[in-house]
Each structure stands twice: as structure tokens, then as C-alpha cells.
Amino acid sequence: MKKLVFFATFLLIPSLALAQSPIRDVDDLGQQLIDIINNVLVPLLFALSFLTFIWGVFQYFIAGGADEEKRKQGQQLIIYGIIGFALMVSVWGLVNLLLATFNFDKAIPTVPRTPGTR
């Protein structure tokens, strides 16, 4: 367990140093936290869900060929992996729906041209 914590800390040191973008105010801090969540945490959760699903498939088909207990454990892991995927995709869709509904994106809106103007 100590090795895992050390390895994770070692990987996160550059993002903790914040050397690329200094924090000037609360907005910068919030944007930095959102970037860490979007670029580190979300892909990590998707990867863990995928690995859980793959490990369940391995236990169900390969390791649990004749052992009914291993097949049951594999089946549970497959279900947990699928539930994890479904939850993450639904939350992701809900967040994008809210962003689009309330115009929280920072893009400048474009005004369509009227016919007959250049």
C-alpha cells in the first residue's frame, strides 16, 4: 500500500507544483481544480471501471472454468464494471446538458448573417 501511495504521489508532483500556470485568484484555482478533475480523475475512473470489467471477464471465463465461486465473483465484477460505466456516462451527459442549457461554455456566441448583407 505504501508503494502505491508513493507511486501516485510521484506521478502527481508536477500537477501539485503548479509550475506551468501560477494561481492569481480564486478563478484560476477553480479552473486548475476543474482541469485536474477532467484530465486526471475522470480518465482514471473510466480506466478503473474498464479494468474491473476486464478482470471480471477473466475470472468468469478463464479462471472460473470449473469453479462456480470464481464464476460468481467474475459475474459480480462484470456487473460492477457495467454499472460504473453507466453511472459515469450518465453523469457526464447530465453535466454537458446543464452546460449547454445554461450557456456556461466560454465560447463567444456568433450572430448569424441576415440575407442580403456581406
N, C-alpha and C. Protein backbone atom coordinates (compact mmCIF):
# COMPACT_ATOMS: atom_id res chain seq x y z
N MET A 1 0.82 -1.19 0.00
CA MET A 1 0.00 0.00 0.00
C MET A 1 0.87 1.25 0.00
N LYS A 2 1.98 1.22 0.76
CA LYS A 2 2.87 2.36 0.81
C LYS A 2 3.50 2.63 -0.55
N LYS A 3 3.79 1.56 -1.28
CA LYS A 3 4.37 1.73 -2.61
C LYS A 3 3.38 2.39 -3.55
N LEU A 4 2.11 2.03 -3.45
CA LEU A 4 1.08 2.62 -4.30
C LEU A 4 0.92 4.11 -4.01
N VAL A 5 0.90 4.47 -2.74
CA VAL A 5 0.78 5.89 -2.37
C VAL A 5 2.00 6.65 -2.84
N PHE A 6 3.18 6.08 -2.69
CA PHE A 6 4.40 6.73 -3.14
C PHE A 6 4.38 6.93 -4.65
N PHE A 7 3.95 5.91 -5.39
CA PHE A 7 3.91 5.99 -6.85
C PHE A 7 2.90 7.04 -7.31
N ALA A 8 1.72 7.07 -6.68
CA ALA A 8 0.71 8.06 -7.04
C ALA A 8 1.19 9.47 -6.73
N THR A 9 1.84 9.66 -5.59
CA THR A 9 2.39 10.96 -5.24
C THR A 9 3.46 11.37 -6.23
N PHE A 10 4.28 10.44 -6.63
CA PHE A 10 5.34 10.72 -7.60
C PHE A 10 4.76 11.18 -8.93
N LEU A 11 3.66 10.57 -9.34
CA LEU A 11 3.04 10.95 -10.61
C LEU A 11 2.33 12.30 -10.53
N LEU A 12 1.83 12.67 -9.36
CA LEU A 12 1.07 13.90 -9.22
C LEU A 12 1.92 15.11 -8.83
N ILE A 13 3.20 14.93 -8.59
CA ILE A 13 4.05 16.04 -8.16
C ILE A 13 4.05 17.19 -9.17
N PRO A 14 4.17 16.95 -10.48
CA PRO A 14 4.13 18.10 -11.40
C PRO A 14 2.83 18.88 -11.35
N SER A 15 1.71 18.23 -11.20
CA SER A 15 0.44 18.96 -11.13
C SER A 15 0.29 19.68 -9.79
N LEU A 16 0.91 19.16 -8.74
CA LEU A 16 0.84 19.83 -7.45
C LEU A 16 1.75 21.05 -7.39
N ALA A 17 2.82 21.04 -8.18
CA ALA A 17 3.73 22.17 -8.19
C ALA A 17 3.11 23.39 -8.85
N LEU A 18 2.18 23.17 -9.77
CA LEU A 18 1.51 24.25 -10.49
C LEU A 18 2.52 25.19 -11.15
N ALA A 19 3.58 24.61 -11.70
CA ALA A 19 4.65 25.40 -12.26
C ALA A 19 4.27 26.03 -13.59
N GLN A 20 3.35 25.47 -14.31
CA GLN A 20 3.02 25.99 -15.63
C GLN A 20 2.08 27.18 -15.57
N SER A 21 1.17 27.19 -14.65
CA SER A 21 0.22 28.30 -14.58
C SER A 21 0.09 28.76 -13.13
N PRO A 22 0.64 29.91 -12.81
CA PRO A 22 0.53 30.39 -11.42
C PRO A 22 -0.91 30.76 -11.09
N ILE A 23 -1.29 30.54 -9.85
CA ILE A 23 -2.64 30.86 -9.40
C ILE A 23 -2.64 32.30 -8.93
N ARG A 24 -3.45 33.12 -9.58
CA ARG A 24 -3.51 34.54 -9.24
C ARG A 24 -4.74 34.88 -8.40
N ASP A 25 -5.83 34.15 -8.63
CA ASP A 25 -7.05 34.43 -7.88
C ASP A 25 -7.88 33.15 -7.76
N VAL A 26 -9.06 33.30 -7.22
CA VAL A 26 -9.92 32.14 -6.97
C VAL A 26 -10.35 31.48 -8.28
N ASP A 27 -10.56 32.29 -9.33
CA ASP A 27 -10.96 31.72 -10.62
C ASP A 27 -9.88 30.80 -11.18
N ASP A 28 -8.61 31.21 -11.04
CA ASP A 28 -7.52 30.36 -11.51
C ASP A 28 -7.45 29.07 -10.71
N LEU A 29 -7.66 29.15 -9.40
CA LEU A 29 -7.66 27.96 -8.56
C LEU A 29 -8.80 27.02 -8.96
N GLY A 30 -9.98 27.59 -9.17
CA GLY A 30 -11.11 26.78 -9.59
C GLY A 30 -10.87 26.11 -10.94
N GLN A 31 -10.30 26.87 -11.88
CA GLN A 31 -10.01 26.31 -13.20
C GLN A 31 -8.96 25.21 -13.09
N GLN A 32 -7.97 25.39 -12.23
CA GLN A 32 -6.94 24.38 -12.04
C GLN A 32 -7.55 23.09 -11.47
N LEU A 33 -8.45 23.23 -10.51
CA LEU A 33 -9.11 22.06 -9.93
C LEU A 33 -9.99 21.36 -10.96
N ILE A 34 -10.71 22.13 -11.76
CA ILE A 34 -11.55 21.53 -12.81
C ILE A 34 -10.69 20.81 -13.83
N ASP A 35 -9.55 21.40 -14.18
CA ASP A 35 -8.64 20.74 -15.13
C ASP A 35 -8.10 19.43 -14.57
N ILE A 36 -7.76 19.40 -13.29
CA ILE A 36 -7.27 18.17 -12.67
C ILE A 36 -8.37 17.11 -12.66
N ILE A 37 -9.59 17.52 -12.34
CA ILE A 37 -10.70 16.56 -12.34
C ILE A 37 -10.94 16.02 -13.74
N ASN A 38 -10.99 16.92 -14.74
CA ASN A 38 -11.29 16.49 -16.10
C ASN A 38 -10.16 15.70 -16.75
N ASN A 39 -8.92 16.05 -16.45
CA ASN A 39 -7.79 15.44 -17.14
C ASN A 39 -7.14 14.30 -16.39
N VAL A 40 -7.39 14.18 -15.09
CA VAL A 40 -6.77 13.12 -14.30
C VAL A 40 -7.81 12.19 -13.68
N LEU A 41 -8.73 12.75 -12.94
CA LEU A 41 -9.65 11.94 -12.16
C LEU A 41 -10.66 11.18 -13.03
N VAL A 42 -11.28 11.86 -13.98
CA VAL A 42 -12.29 11.19 -14.82
C VAL A 42 -11.68 10.07 -15.66
N PRO A 43 -10.55 10.29 -16.37
CA PRO A 43 -9.96 9.16 -17.09
C PRO A 43 -9.52 8.02 -16.17
N LEU A 44 -9.08 8.36 -14.96
CA LEU A 44 -8.68 7.32 -14.01
C LEU A 44 -9.89 6.48 -13.60
N LEU A 45 -11.03 7.12 -13.36
CA LEU A 45 -12.24 6.38 -13.00
C LEU A 45 -12.72 5.51 -14.16
N PHE A 46 -12.67 6.02 -15.38
CA PHE A 46 -13.03 5.20 -16.53
C PHE A 46 -12.09 4.01 -16.66
N ALA A 47 -10.80 4.23 -16.45
CA ALA A 47 -9.83 3.13 -16.55
C ALA A 47 -10.08 2.09 -15.47
N LEU A 48 -10.37 2.52 -14.24
CA LEU A 48 -10.66 1.56 -13.17
C LEU A 48 -11.92 0.76 -13.46
N SER A 49 -12.93 1.41 -14.00
CA SER A 49 -14.15 0.70 -14.35
C SER A 49 -13.89 -0.32 -15.46
N PHE A 50 -13.10 0.08 -16.43
CA PHE A 50 -12.77 -0.83 -17.53
C PHE A 50 -11.95 -2.01 -17.02
N LEU A 51 -10.97 -1.75 -16.16
CA LEU A 51 -10.16 -2.84 -15.61
C LEU A 51 -10.99 -3.78 -14.74
N THR A 52 -11.95 -3.23 -14.00
CA THR A 52 -12.85 -4.07 -13.21
C THR A 52 -13.66 -4.98 -14.12
N PHE A 53 -14.16 -4.43 -15.20
CA PHE A 53 -14.92 -5.23 -16.16
C PHE A 53 -14.05 -6.32 -16.78
N ILE A 54 -12.84 -5.97 -17.21
CA ILE A 54 -11.94 -6.94 -17.84
C ILE A 54 -11.54 -8.03 -16.84
N TRP A 55 -11.27 -7.64 -15.59
CA TRP A 55 -10.91 -8.64 -14.58
C TRP A 55 -12.08 -9.58 -14.30
N GLY A 56 -13.29 -9.04 -14.31
CA GLY A 56 -14.47 -9.89 -14.14
C GLY A 56 -14.64 -10.86 -15.29
N VAL A 57 -14.39 -10.39 -16.52
CA VAL A 57 -14.47 -11.29 -17.68
C VAL A 57 -13.41 -12.38 -17.57
N PHE A 58 -12.20 -12.01 -17.14
CA PHE A 58 -11.13 -13.00 -16.95
C PHE A 58 -11.53 -14.03 -15.91
N GLN A 59 -12.06 -13.57 -14.78
CA GLN A 59 -12.45 -14.52 -13.73
C GLN A 59 -13.61 -15.39 -14.16
N TYR A 60 -14.54 -14.84 -14.92
CA TYR A 60 -15.71 -15.61 -15.32
C TYR A 60 -15.37 -16.68 -16.35
N PHE A 61 -14.60 -16.30 -17.37
CA PHE A 61 -14.36 -17.23 -18.47
C PHE A 61 -13.10 -18.07 -18.30
N ILE A 62 -12.03 -17.48 -17.81
CA ILE A 62 -10.75 -18.20 -17.79
C ILE A 62 -10.47 -18.83 -16.43
N ALA A 63 -10.46 -18.02 -15.38
CA ALA A 63 -10.11 -18.55 -14.06
C ALA A 63 -11.23 -19.41 -13.47
N GLY A 64 -12.47 -19.12 -13.83
CA GLY A 64 -13.58 -19.85 -13.23
C GLY A 64 -14.17 -20.89 -14.14
N GLY A 65 -13.35 -21.53 -14.94
CA GLY A 65 -13.85 -22.52 -15.88
C GLY A 65 -14.68 -23.60 -15.20
N ALA A 66 -14.18 -24.17 -14.12
CA ALA A 66 -14.90 -25.24 -13.44
C ALA A 66 -15.35 -24.82 -12.04
N ASP A 67 -14.81 -23.72 -11.54
CA ASP A 67 -15.11 -23.27 -10.18
C ASP A 67 -16.29 -22.31 -10.21
N GLU A 68 -17.39 -22.72 -9.63
CA GLU A 68 -18.61 -21.92 -9.66
C GLU A 68 -18.47 -20.64 -8.84
N GLU A 69 -17.68 -20.69 -7.75
CA GLU A 69 -17.48 -19.50 -6.92
C GLU A 69 -16.73 -18.41 -7.69
N LYS A 70 -15.68 -18.78 -8.43
CA LYS A 70 -14.94 -17.81 -9.24
C LYS A 70 -15.83 -17.22 -10.33
N ARG A 71 -16.69 -18.05 -10.90
CA ARG A 71 -17.60 -17.54 -11.94
C ARG A 71 -18.58 -16.53 -11.36
N LYS A 72 -19.03 -16.78 -10.13
CA LYS A 72 -19.95 -15.85 -9.47
C LYS A 72 -19.25 -14.52 -9.17
N GLN A 73 -18.01 -14.60 -8.68
CA GLN A 73 -17.24 -13.38 -8.43
C GLN A 73 -17.00 -12.61 -9.72
N GLY A 74 -16.67 -13.33 -10.78
CA GLY A 74 -16.45 -12.69 -12.08
C GLY A 74 -17.71 -12.02 -12.59
N GLN A 75 -18.85 -12.67 -12.41
CA GLN A 75 -20.11 -12.10 -12.85
C GLN A 75 -20.42 -10.81 -12.08
N GLN A 76 -20.16 -10.81 -10.77
CA GLN A 76 -20.38 -9.60 -9.98
C GLN A 76 -19.47 -8.46 -10.44
N LEU A 77 -18.20 -8.77 -10.73
CA LEU A 77 -17.28 -7.73 -11.19
C LEU A 77 -17.70 -7.18 -12.55
N ILE A 78 -18.19 -8.04 -13.43
CA ILE A 78 -18.68 -7.57 -14.73
C ILE A 78 -19.86 -6.62 -14.52
N ILE A 79 -20.76 -6.97 -13.64
CA ILE A 79 -21.91 -6.10 -13.37
C ILE A 79 -21.46 -4.79 -12.76
N TYR A 80 -20.51 -4.83 -11.82
CA TYR A 80 -20.00 -3.59 -11.22
C TYR A 80 -19.33 -2.70 -12.27
N GLY A 81 -18.58 -3.29 -13.17
CA GLY A 81 -17.93 -2.52 -14.23
C GLY A 81 -18.94 -1.86 -15.15
N ILE A 82 -20.00 -2.59 -15.52
CA ILE A 82 -21.03 -2.02 -16.39
C ILE A 82 -21.80 -0.91 -15.66
N ILE A 83 -22.09 -1.12 -14.39
CA ILE A 83 -22.78 -0.08 -13.61
C ILE A 83 -21.89 1.16 -13.50
N GLY A 84 -20.59 0.97 -13.29
CA GLY A 84 -19.67 2.09 -13.24
C GLY A 84 -19.65 2.87 -14.54
N PHE A 85 -19.59 2.16 -15.67
CA PHE A 85 -19.64 2.83 -16.98
C PHE A 85 -20.94 3.63 -17.11
N ALA A 86 -22.06 3.00 -16.80
CA ALA A 86 -23.36 3.65 -16.97
C ALA A 86 -23.47 4.89 -16.10
N LEU A 87 -23.02 4.81 -14.85
CA LEU A 87 -23.08 5.98 -13.97
C LEU A 87 -22.20 7.11 -14.47
N MET A 88 -20.99 6.79 -14.88
CA MET A 88 -20.09 7.85 -15.33
C MET A 88 -20.57 8.50 -16.62
N VAL A 89 -21.07 7.71 -17.55
CA VAL A 89 -21.57 8.27 -18.80
C VAL A 89 -22.83 9.11 -18.56
N SER A 90 -23.71 8.66 -17.67
CA SER A 90 -24.92 9.43 -17.40
C SER A 90 -24.59 10.74 -16.68
N VAL A 91 -23.67 10.74 -15.74
CA VAL A 91 -23.27 11.98 -15.07
C VAL A 91 -22.59 12.91 -16.06
N TRP A 92 -21.75 12.35 -16.92
CA TRP A 92 -21.08 13.15 -17.95
C TRP A 92 -22.11 13.80 -18.87
N GLY A 93 -23.11 13.04 -19.29
CA GLY A 93 -24.16 13.58 -20.13
C GLY A 93 -24.98 14.64 -19.43
N LEU A 94 -25.29 14.43 -18.15
CA LEU A 94 -26.04 15.41 -17.38
C LEU A 94 -25.27 16.72 -17.25
N VAL A 95 -23.99 16.64 -16.97
CA VAL A 95 -23.16 17.84 -16.85
C VAL A 95 -23.13 18.59 -18.18
N ASN A 96 -22.94 17.87 -19.29
CA ASN A 96 -22.92 18.53 -20.59
C ASN A 96 -24.28 19.12 -20.93
N LEU A 97 -25.36 18.47 -20.55
CA LEU A 97 -26.69 19.00 -20.78
C LEU A 97 -26.89 20.30 -20.00
N LEU A 98 -26.46 20.33 -18.75
CA LEU A 98 -26.57 21.55 -17.95
C LEU A 98 -25.70 22.67 -18.51
N LEU A 99 -24.50 22.33 -18.95
CA LEU A 99 -23.63 23.34 -19.54
C LEU A 99 -24.25 23.95 -20.79
N ALA A 100 -24.82 23.11 -21.63
CA ALA A 100 -25.44 23.61 -22.86
C ALA A 100 -26.73 24.37 -22.57
N THR A 101 -27.49 23.95 -21.57
CA THR A 101 -28.76 24.61 -21.27
C THR A 101 -28.55 26.02 -20.73
N PHE A 102 -27.61 26.17 -19.82
CA PHE A 102 -27.40 27.47 -19.17
C PHE A 102 -26.26 28.28 -19.78
N ASN A 103 -25.75 27.86 -20.93
CA ASN A 103 -24.69 28.58 -21.65
C ASN A 103 -23.48 28.85 -20.77
N PHE A 104 -22.98 27.84 -20.12
CA PHE A 104 -21.80 28.00 -19.29
C PHE A 104 -20.50 27.86 -20.07
N ASP A 105 -20.60 27.49 -21.33
CA ASP A 105 -19.37 27.40 -22.12
C ASP A 105 -18.86 28.82 -22.37
N LYS A 106 -17.56 28.95 -22.51
CA LYS A 106 -16.95 30.28 -22.61
C LYS A 106 -16.79 30.73 -24.06
N ALA A 107 -17.43 30.05 -24.98
CA ALA A 107 -17.34 30.44 -26.38
C ALA A 107 -18.15 31.70 -26.62
N ILE A 108 -17.63 32.55 -27.48
CA ILE A 108 -18.33 33.78 -27.82
C ILE A 108 -19.43 33.43 -28.82
N PRO A 109 -20.66 33.80 -28.54
CA PRO A 109 -21.72 33.45 -29.47
C PRO A 109 -21.57 34.21 -30.78
N THR A 110 -21.91 33.56 -31.87
CA THR A 110 -21.84 34.20 -33.18
C THR A 110 -23.23 34.61 -33.61
N VAL A 111 -23.28 35.73 -34.29
CA VAL A 111 -24.56 36.24 -34.77
C VAL A 111 -24.70 35.81 -36.22
N PRO A 112 -25.79 35.16 -36.58
CA PRO A 112 -25.93 34.74 -37.97
C PRO A 112 -26.16 35.96 -38.87
N ARG A 113 -25.65 35.84 -40.09
CA ARG A 113 -25.82 36.94 -41.04
C ARG A 113 -27.23 36.94 -41.58
N THR A 114 -27.71 38.14 -41.82
CA THR A 114 -29.02 38.26 -42.44
C THR A 114 -28.87 38.18 -43.95
N PRO A 115 -29.84 37.68 -44.64
CA PRO A 115 -29.74 37.58 -46.09
C PRO A 115 -29.58 38.97 -46.73
N GLY A 116 -28.73 39.03 -47.72
CA GLY A 116 -28.53 40.27 -48.44
C GLY A 116 -27.39 41.13 -47.89
N THR A 117 -26.75 40.74 -46.78
CA THR A 117 -25.62 41.50 -46.25
C THR A 117 -24.32 40.77 -46.56
N ARG A 118 -23.27 41.54 -46.55
CA ARG A 118 -21.98 40.93 -46.86
C ARG A 118 -21.20 40.63 -45.62
